[in-house]
Amino acid sequence: MHVCHFNAAFASLTAADFIERILFGALRVRLLIVGDDFRFGAGRSGDFALLRAAGARLGFRVEAMESVTLDGERASSSAVRDALQAGRIEHAARLLGRPYAIDGRVVRGDGIGRQLGFHTANIRIKHERPPLRGVFAVEVRGLPGGPHRGAANLGYRPSANQVTRPLLEVHLLDFSADIYGAHLSVRFLHKLRDEMKFPDFAALRAQIASDVAAVKAHFQL
């Protein structure tokens, strides 16, 4: 694997420079397989036809992968992202072939969940702008006896110590062990609602209780 850091210098490479300097010069590519809609180079000026012509000139083969479609819709990262942003979690899972998941390590929080009567695992995530926000029914992997089911909130906590970076909080159903430091994979299965701001802790506590009940109903528990 060769990782190209996408900085300003890399982004400014022309399509011809990308072929000559990266593919041919640095990687000495012999066979290149790309999606049939692949675009590259500054201004997205390079395409499959340009790659194939360059390959014929420089001595490497270029093959195209056909698009994968689901009920006439192309399965692409853009389609998955659009589905997640629209709250169509199940549709995103069909496009991906698996549920969308976020992985992270459990860190200590501020104890708000405990004060509200619903212990939560606070999971540090690297996403600065995750493609989804709200309250979800989830499945959590990475703990003994799992997978475990739970209710998750992903967002900025507008009702309790609002945060500037998105925070993933998961209340695991019928689970109370100390899991600080555990690395978990949270699989999003169904969206319950958008994130909301409540007037006080009593209203927030009542809504969380309703969310947990909805999650249990979703899993038929």
C-alpha atoms as a PDB file:
ATOM      1  CA  MET A   1       0.000   0.000   0.000  1.00  0.00           C
ATOM      2  CA  HIS A   2       1.213   3.483  -0.839  1.00  0.00           C
ATOM      3  CA  VAL A   3      -0.555   6.360   0.922  1.00  0.00           C
ATOM      4  CA  CYS A   4      -0.481   9.712  -0.831  1.00  0.00           C
ATOM      5  CA  HIS A   5      -1.091  12.552   1.610  1.00  0.00           C
ATOM      6  CA  PHE A   6      -3.690  14.837   0.070  1.00  0.00           C
ATOM      7  CA  ASN A   7      -2.050  18.197   0.645  1.00  0.00           C
ATOM      8  CA  ALA A   8      -1.988  21.333  -1.503  1.00  0.00           C
ATOM      9  CA  ALA A   9       0.964  20.137  -3.589  1.00  0.00           C
ATOM     10  CA  PHE A  10      -0.685  16.786  -4.317  1.00  0.00           C
ATOM     11  CA  ALA A  11      -4.035  18.417  -5.116  1.00  0.00           C
ATOM     12  CA  SER A  12      -2.386  20.756  -7.625  1.00  0.00           C
ATOM     13  CA  LEU A  13      -0.884  17.935  -9.721  1.00  0.00           C
ATOM     14  CA  THR A  14      -2.179  17.935 -13.261  1.00  0.00           C
ATOM     15  CA  ALA A  15      -3.580  14.693 -14.618  1.00  0.00           C
ATOM     16  CA  ALA A  16      -0.480  14.263 -16.781  1.00  0.00           C
ATOM     17  CA  ASP A  17       1.841  14.844 -13.799  1.00  0.00           C
ATOM     18  CA  PHE A  18      -0.109  12.326 -11.706  1.00  0.00           C
ATOM     19  CA  ILE A  19       0.374   9.687 -14.393  1.00  0.00           C
ATOM     20  CA  GLU A  20       4.020  10.466 -15.105  1.00  0.00           C
ATOM     21  CA  ARG A  21       5.257  11.137 -11.564  1.00  0.00           C
ATOM     22  CA  ILE A  22       3.047   8.953  -9.353  1.00  0.00           C
ATOM     23  CA  LEU A  23       1.735   6.029 -11.373  1.00  0.00           C
ATOM     24  CA  PHE A  24       4.625   5.515 -13.771  1.00  0.00           C
ATOM     25  CA  GLY A  25       7.600   7.168 -12.052  1.00  0.00           C
ATOM     26  CA  ALA A  26       7.068   6.276  -8.368  1.00  0.00           C
ATOM     27  CA  LEU A  27       4.896   3.154  -8.463  1.00  0.00           C
ATOM     28  CA  ARG A  28       6.079   1.664 -11.774  1.00  0.00           C
ATOM     29  CA  VAL A  29       2.506   0.487 -12.308  1.00  0.00           C
ATOM     30  CA  ARG A  30       1.972  -2.458 -14.681  1.00  0.00           C
ATOM     31  CA  LEU A  31      -1.789  -2.941 -14.284  1.00  0.00           C
ATOM     32  CA  LEU A  32      -4.233  -0.273 -13.117  1.00  0.00           C
ATOM     33  CA  ILE A  33      -7.836  -1.111 -12.217  1.00  0.00           C
ATOM     34  CA  VAL A  34     -10.160   1.847 -11.582  1.00  0.00           C
ATOM     35  CA  GLY A  35     -13.866   2.607 -11.501  1.00  0.00           C
ATOM     36  CA  ASP A  36     -15.403   3.467 -14.845  1.00  0.00           C
ATOM     37  CA  ASP A  37     -16.134   7.020 -13.622  1.00  0.00           C
ATOM     38  CA  PHE A  38     -12.690   7.629 -12.052  1.00  0.00           C
ATOM     39  CA  ARG A  39     -11.515  11.260 -12.279  1.00  0.00           C
ATOM     40  CA  PHE A  40      -8.146  12.591 -11.152  1.00  0.00           C
ATOM     41  CA  GLY A  41      -5.765  15.521 -11.395  1.00  0.00           C
ATOM     42  CA  ALA A  42      -6.329  19.188 -10.645  1.00  0.00           C
ATOM     43  CA  GLY A  43      -9.822  20.192 -11.703  1.00  0.00           C
ATOM     44  CA  ARG A  44     -10.745  16.511 -12.203  1.00  0.00           C
ATOM     45  CA  SER A  45      -9.314  16.826 -15.695  1.00  0.00           C
ATOM     46  CA  GLY A  46      -8.142  13.211 -16.004  1.00  0.00           C
ATOM     47  CA  ASP A  47     -10.461  10.331 -16.860  1.00  0.00           C
ATOM     48  CA  PHE A  48     -10.413   6.684 -17.909  1.00  0.00           C
ATOM     49  CA  ALA A  49      -9.741   7.490 -21.572  1.00  0.00           C
ATOM     50  CA  LEU A  50      -6.664   9.556 -20.648  1.00  0.00           C
ATOM     51  CA  LEU A  51      -5.354   6.749 -18.425  1.00  0.00           C
ATOM     52  CA  ARG A  52      -5.802   4.150 -21.145  1.00  0.00           C
ATOM     53  CA  ALA A  53      -4.035   6.334 -23.714  1.00  0.00           C
ATOM     54  CA  ALA A  54      -1.155   6.954 -21.299  1.00  0.00           C
ATOM     55  CA  GLY A  55      -0.951   3.244 -20.522  1.00  0.00           C
ATOM     56  CA  ALA A  56      -0.618   2.409 -24.206  1.00  0.00           C
ATOM     57  CA  ARG A  57       2.204   4.950 -24.499  1.00  0.00           C
ATOM     58  CA  LEU A  58       4.062   4.060 -21.264  1.00  0.00           C
ATOM     59  CA  GLY A  59       3.508   0.323 -21.228  1.00  0.00           C
ATOM     60  CA  PHE A  60       0.895  -0.434 -18.555  1.00  0.00           C
ATOM     61  CA  ARG A  61      -2.617  -1.885 -18.811  1.00  0.00           C
ATOM     62  CA  VAL A  62      -5.735  -0.062 -17.637  1.00  0.00           C
ATOM     63  CA  GLU A  63      -8.932  -1.952 -16.838  1.00  0.00           C
ATOM     64  CA  ALA A  64     -12.295  -0.585 -15.672  1.00  0.00           C
ATOM     65  CA  MET A  65     -14.560  -1.944 -12.964  1.00  0.00           C
ATOM     66  CA  GLU A  66     -18.210  -1.678 -13.872  1.00  0.00           C
ATOM     67  CA  SER A  67     -20.532   0.200 -11.552  1.00  0.00           C
ATOM     68  CA  VAL A  68     -22.467  -1.819  -8.977  1.00  0.00           C
ATOM     69  CA  THR A  69     -26.151  -0.910  -8.935  1.00  0.00           C
ATOM     70  CA  LEU A  70     -28.963  -1.660  -6.514  1.00  0.00           C
ATOM     71  CA  ASP A  71     -32.486  -1.340  -7.920  1.00  0.00           C
ATOM     72  CA  GLY A  72     -31.108   0.969 -10.586  1.00  0.00           C
ATOM     73  CA  GLU A  73     -29.115   3.166  -8.163  1.00  0.00           C
ATOM     74  CA  ARG A  74     -25.338   3.250  -8.395  1.00  0.00           C
ATOM     75  CA  ALA A  75     -23.697   2.111  -5.146  1.00  0.00           C
ATOM     76  CA  SER A  76     -21.183   4.873  -4.486  1.00  0.00           C
ATOM     77  CA  SER A  77     -19.707   6.753  -1.541  1.00  0.00           C
ATOM     78  CA  SER A  78     -21.853   9.764  -2.474  1.00  0.00           C
ATOM     79  CA  ALA A  79     -25.036   7.676  -2.443  1.00  0.00           C
ATOM     80  CA  VAL A  80     -24.114   6.186   0.944  1.00  0.00           C
ATOM     81  CA  ARG A  81     -23.317   9.611   2.391  1.00  0.00           C
ATOM     82  CA  ASP A  82     -26.581  11.077   1.065  1.00  0.00           C
ATOM     83  CA  ALA A  83     -28.571   8.203   2.579  1.00  0.00           C
ATOM     84  CA  LEU A  84     -26.879   8.642   5.967  1.00  0.00           C
ATOM     85  CA  GLN A  85     -27.452  12.398   5.987  1.00  0.00           C
ATOM     86  CA  ALA A  86     -31.120  11.837   5.156  1.00  0.00           C
ATOM     87  CA  GLY A  87     -31.486   9.347   8.024  1.00  0.00           C
ATOM     88  CA  ARG A  88     -32.077   6.423   5.636  1.00  0.00           C
ATOM     89  CA  ILE A  89     -29.831   4.118   7.655  1.00  0.00           C
ATOM     90  CA  GLU A  90     -31.245   0.871   6.313  1.00  0.00           C
ATOM     91  CA  HIS A  91     -30.800   2.052   2.720  1.00  0.00           C
ATOM     92  CA  ALA A  92     -27.185   3.012   3.419  1.00  0.00           C
ATOM     93  CA  ALA A  93     -26.628  -0.504   4.769  1.00  0.00           C
ATOM     94  CA  ARG A  94     -28.044  -2.025   1.577  1.00  0.00           C
ATOM     95  CA  LEU A  95     -25.703   0.097  -0.535  1.00  0.00           C
ATOM     96  CA  LEU A  96     -22.702  -0.828   1.621  1.00  0.00           C
ATOM     97  CA  GLY A  97     -23.601  -4.486   1.992  1.00  0.00           C
ATOM     98  CA  ARG A  98     -23.315  -4.056   5.779  1.00  0.00           C
ATOM     99  CA  PRO A  99     -24.446  -1.561   8.444  1.00  0.00           C
ATOM    100  CA  TYR A 100     -22.550   1.724   8.587  1.00  0.00           C
ATOM    101  CA  ALA A 101     -20.224   1.680  11.619  1.00  0.00           C
ATOM    102  CA  ILE A 102     -18.007   4.030  13.611  1.00  0.00           C
ATOM    103  CA  ASP A 103     -15.135   2.634  15.690  1.00  0.00           C
ATOM    104  CA  GLY A 104     -13.533   4.280  18.702  1.00  0.00           C
ATOM    105  CA  ARG A 105     -12.215   3.904  22.223  1.00  0.00           C
ATOM    106  CA  VAL A 106     -14.337   4.404  25.359  1.00  0.00           C
ATOM    107  CA  VAL A 107     -13.173   7.442  27.341  1.00  0.00           C
ATOM    108  CA  ARG A 108     -14.322   9.048  30.567  1.00  0.00           C
ATOM    109  CA  GLY A 109     -17.111  11.579  30.200  1.00  0.00           C
ATOM    110  CA  ASP A 110     -18.636  14.178  32.502  1.00  0.00           C
ATOM    111  CA  GLY A 111     -21.108  11.817  34.190  1.00  0.00           C
ATOM    112  CA  ILE A 112     -24.240  13.426  32.722  1.00  0.00           C
ATOM    113  CA  GLY A 113     -25.649  10.058  31.648  1.00  0.00           C
ATOM    114  CA  ARG A 114     -25.231   8.681  35.149  1.00  0.00           C
ATOM    115  CA  GLN A 115     -27.015  11.711  36.614  1.00  0.00           C
ATOM    116  CA  LEU A 116     -29.904  11.114  34.225  1.00  0.00           C
ATOM    117  CA  GLY A 117     -30.129   7.438  35.176  1.00  0.00           C
ATOM    118  CA  PHE A 118     -28.776   6.110  31.878  1.00  0.00           C
ATOM    119  CA  HIS A 119     -25.125   5.110  31.914  1.00  0.00           C
ATOM    120  CA  THR A 120     -23.428   5.781  28.597  1.00  0.00           C
ATOM    121  CA  ALA A 121     -20.166   4.773  26.991  1.00  0.00           C
ATOM    122  CA  ASN A 122     -18.499   7.893  25.591  1.00  0.00           C
ATOM    123  CA  ILE A 123     -16.622   6.935  22.450  1.00  0.00           C
ATOM    124  CA  ARG A 124     -13.881   9.097  21.032  1.00  0.00           C
ATOM    125  CA  ILE A 125     -14.295   9.376  17.269  1.00  0.00           C
ATOM    126  CA  LYS A 126     -11.964  10.835  14.654  1.00  0.00           C
ATOM    127  CA  HIS A 127     -14.714  12.136  12.382  1.00  0.00           C
ATOM    128  CA  GLU A 128     -14.919  15.938  12.555  1.00  0.00           C
ATOM    129  CA  ARG A 129     -18.066  15.937  10.412  1.00  0.00           C
ATOM    130  CA  PRO A 130     -19.693  12.500  10.506  1.00  0.00           C
ATOM    131  CA  PRO A 131     -22.315  11.990   7.788  1.00  0.00           C
ATOM    132  CA  LEU A 132     -25.098  11.327  10.297  1.00  0.00           C
ATOM    133  CA  ARG A 133     -26.442  12.892  13.483  1.00  0.00           C
ATOM    134  CA  GLY A 134     -29.231  12.043  15.877  1.00  0.00           C
ATOM    135  CA  VAL A 135     -30.445   9.150  18.018  1.00  0.00           C
ATOM    136  CA  PHE A 136     -30.147   5.584  16.763  1.00  0.00           C
ATOM    137  CA  ALA A 137     -30.725   1.927  17.530  1.00  0.00           C
ATOM    138  CA  VAL A 138     -27.270   0.366  17.360  1.00  0.00           C
ATOM    139  CA  GLU A 139     -25.365  -2.872  17.726  1.00  0.00           C
ATOM    140  CA  VAL A 140     -22.031  -2.715  19.552  1.00  0.00           C
ATOM    141  CA  ARG A 141     -19.164  -5.109  18.970  1.00  0.00           C
ATOM    142  CA  GLY A 142     -15.913  -5.462  20.864  1.00  0.00           C
ATOM    143  CA  LEU A 143     -17.168  -6.542  24.311  1.00  0.00           C
ATOM    144  CA  PRO A 144     -17.405 -10.022  25.831  1.00  0.00           C
ATOM    145  CA  GLY A 145     -20.731 -11.736  25.254  1.00  0.00           C
ATOM    146  CA  GLY A 146     -21.540  -9.462  22.357  1.00  0.00           C
ATOM    147  CA  PRO A 147     -22.745  -8.127  20.100  1.00  0.00           C
ATOM    148  CA  HIS A 148     -24.747  -5.901  22.440  1.00  0.00           C
ATOM    149  CA  ARG A 149     -27.702  -3.701  21.552  1.00  0.00           C
ATOM    150  CA  GLY A 150     -28.106  -0.111  22.582  1.00  0.00           C
ATOM    151  CA  ALA A 151     -29.325   3.430  22.025  1.00  0.00           C
ATOM    152  CA  ALA A 152     -26.785   5.921  20.696  1.00  0.00           C
ATOM    153  CA  ASN A 153     -26.669   9.687  20.398  1.00  0.00           C
ATOM    154  CA  LEU A 154     -24.263  11.164  17.870  1.00  0.00           C
ATOM    155  CA  GLY A 155     -23.970  14.936  17.841  1.00  0.00           C
ATOM    156  CA  TYR A 156     -23.203  17.976  19.963  1.00  0.00           C
ATOM    157  CA  ARG A 157     -25.405  17.505  23.069  1.00  0.00           C
ATOM    158  CA  PRO A 158     -27.304  20.817  22.858  1.00  0.00           C
ATOM    159  CA  SER A 159     -29.156  20.108  26.135  1.00  0.00           C
ATOM    160  CA  ALA A 160     -26.233  19.150  28.408  1.00  0.00           C
ATOM    161  CA  ASN A 161     -22.721  20.615  28.337  1.00  0.00           C
ATOM    162  CA  GLN A 162     -22.773  21.201  24.577  1.00  0.00           C
ATOM    163  CA  VAL A 163     -19.565  20.106  22.864  1.00  0.00           C
ATOM    164  CA  THR A 164     -17.758  21.606  19.876  1.00  0.00           C
ATOM    165  CA  ARG A 165     -16.704  18.272  18.368  1.00  0.00           C
ATOM    166  CA  PRO A 166     -19.220  15.498  17.638  1.00  0.00           C
ATOM    167  CA  LEU A 167     -19.560  12.982  20.462  1.00  0.00           C
ATOM    168  CA  LEU A 168     -20.833   9.417  20.244  1.00  0.00           C
ATOM    169  CA  GLU A 169     -22.601   8.235  23.411  1.00  0.00           C
ATOM    170  CA  VAL A 170     -24.039   4.734  23.670  1.00  0.00           C
ATOM    171  CA  HIS A 171     -26.376   3.361  26.341  1.00  0.00           C
ATOM    172  CA  LEU A 172     -26.036  -0.417  26.277  1.00  0.00           C
ATOM    173  CA  LEU A 173     -29.192  -2.342  27.135  1.00  0.00           C
ATOM    174  CA  ASP A 174     -28.903  -4.549  30.240  1.00  0.00           C
ATOM    175  CA  PHE A 175     -25.156  -3.957  30.574  1.00  0.00           C
ATOM    176  CA  SER A 176     -23.250  -2.334  33.437  1.00  0.00           C
ATOM    177  CA  ALA A 177     -19.595  -3.481  33.355  1.00  0.00           C
ATOM    178  CA  ASP A 178     -16.649  -1.058  33.467  1.00  0.00           C
ATOM    179  CA  ILE A 179     -15.492  -0.761  29.851  1.00  0.00           C
ATOM    180  CA  TYR A 180     -13.219   2.300  29.956  1.00  0.00           C
ATOM    181  CA  GLY A 181     -10.457   1.911  27.394  1.00  0.00           C
ATOM    182  CA  ALA A 182     -12.307  -0.708  25.328  1.00  0.00           C
ATOM    183  CA  HIS A 183     -12.220  -0.295  21.560  1.00  0.00           C
ATOM    184  CA  LEU A 184     -15.762  -0.648  20.184  1.00  0.00           C
ATOM    185  CA  SER A 185     -17.422  -0.803  16.803  1.00  0.00           C
ATOM    186  CA  VAL A 186     -20.859   0.831  16.785  1.00  0.00           C
ATOM    187  CA  ARG A 187     -23.084  -0.336  13.920  1.00  0.00           C
ATOM    188  CA  PHE A 188     -25.995   2.003  13.138  1.00  0.00           C
ATOM    189  CA  LEU A 189     -29.169   0.053  12.372  1.00  0.00           C
ATOM    190  CA  HIS A 190     -32.105   2.482  12.611  1.00  0.00           C
ATOM    191  CA  LYS A 191     -32.602   6.211  13.180  1.00  0.00           C
ATOM    192  CA  LEU A 192     -35.120   7.218  15.847  1.00  0.00           C
ATOM    193  CA  ARG A 193     -34.989  11.009  15.654  1.00  0.00           C
ATOM    194  CA  ASP A 194     -32.847  14.100  15.153  1.00  0.00           C
ATOM    195  CA  GLU A 195     -30.868  15.635  17.990  1.00  0.00           C
ATOM    196  CA  MET A 196     -32.985  18.113  19.982  1.00  0.00           C
ATOM    197  CA  LYS A 197     -32.556  20.772  22.652  1.00  0.00           C
ATOM    198  CA  PHE A 198     -34.701  20.308  25.781  1.00  0.00           C
ATOM    199  CA  PRO A 199     -35.670  23.006  28.330  1.00  0.00           C
ATOM    200  CA  ASP A 200     -34.401  21.090  31.371  1.00  0.00           C
ATOM    201  CA  PHE A 201     -32.961  17.784  32.581  1.00  0.00           C
ATOM    202  CA  ALA A 202     -36.414  16.432  33.440  1.00  0.00           C
ATOM    203  CA  ALA A 203     -37.548  16.754  29.828  1.00  0.00           C
ATOM    204  CA  LEU A 204     -34.256  15.293  28.603  1.00  0.00           C
ATOM    205  CA  ARG A 205     -34.549  12.336  30.991  1.00  0.00           C
ATOM    206  CA  ALA A 206     -38.111  11.639  29.831  1.00  0.00           C
ATOM    207  CA  GLN A 207     -37.043  11.709  26.169  1.00  0.00           C
ATOM    208  CA  ILE A 208     -34.103   9.363  26.805  1.00  0.00           C
ATOM    209  CA  ALA A 209     -36.466   6.927  28.526  1.00  0.00           C
ATOM    210  CA  SER A 210     -38.737   7.122  25.490  1.00  0.00           C
ATOM    211  CA  ASP A 211     -35.762   6.572  23.152  1.00  0.00           C
ATOM    212  CA  VAL A 212     -34.626   3.500  25.088  1.00  0.00           C
ATOM    213  CA  ALA A 213     -38.169   2.110  24.956  1.00  0.00           C
ATOM    214  CA  ALA A 214     -38.234   2.709  21.188  1.00  0.00           C
ATOM    215  CA  VAL A 215     -34.908   0.909  20.791  1.00  0.00           C
ATOM    216  CA  LYS A 216     -36.223  -2.075  22.738  1.00  0.00           C
ATOM    217  CA  ALA A 217     -39.325  -2.093  20.531  1.00  0.00           C
ATOM    218  CA  HIS A 218     -37.118  -1.967  17.422  1.00  0.00           C
ATOM    219  CA  PHE A 219     -35.251  -5.038  18.624  1.00  0.00           C
ATOM    220  CA  GLN A 220     -38.518  -6.602  19.853  1.00  0.00           C
ATOM    221  CA  LEU A 221     -37.172  -6.924  23.399  1.00  0.00           C
END
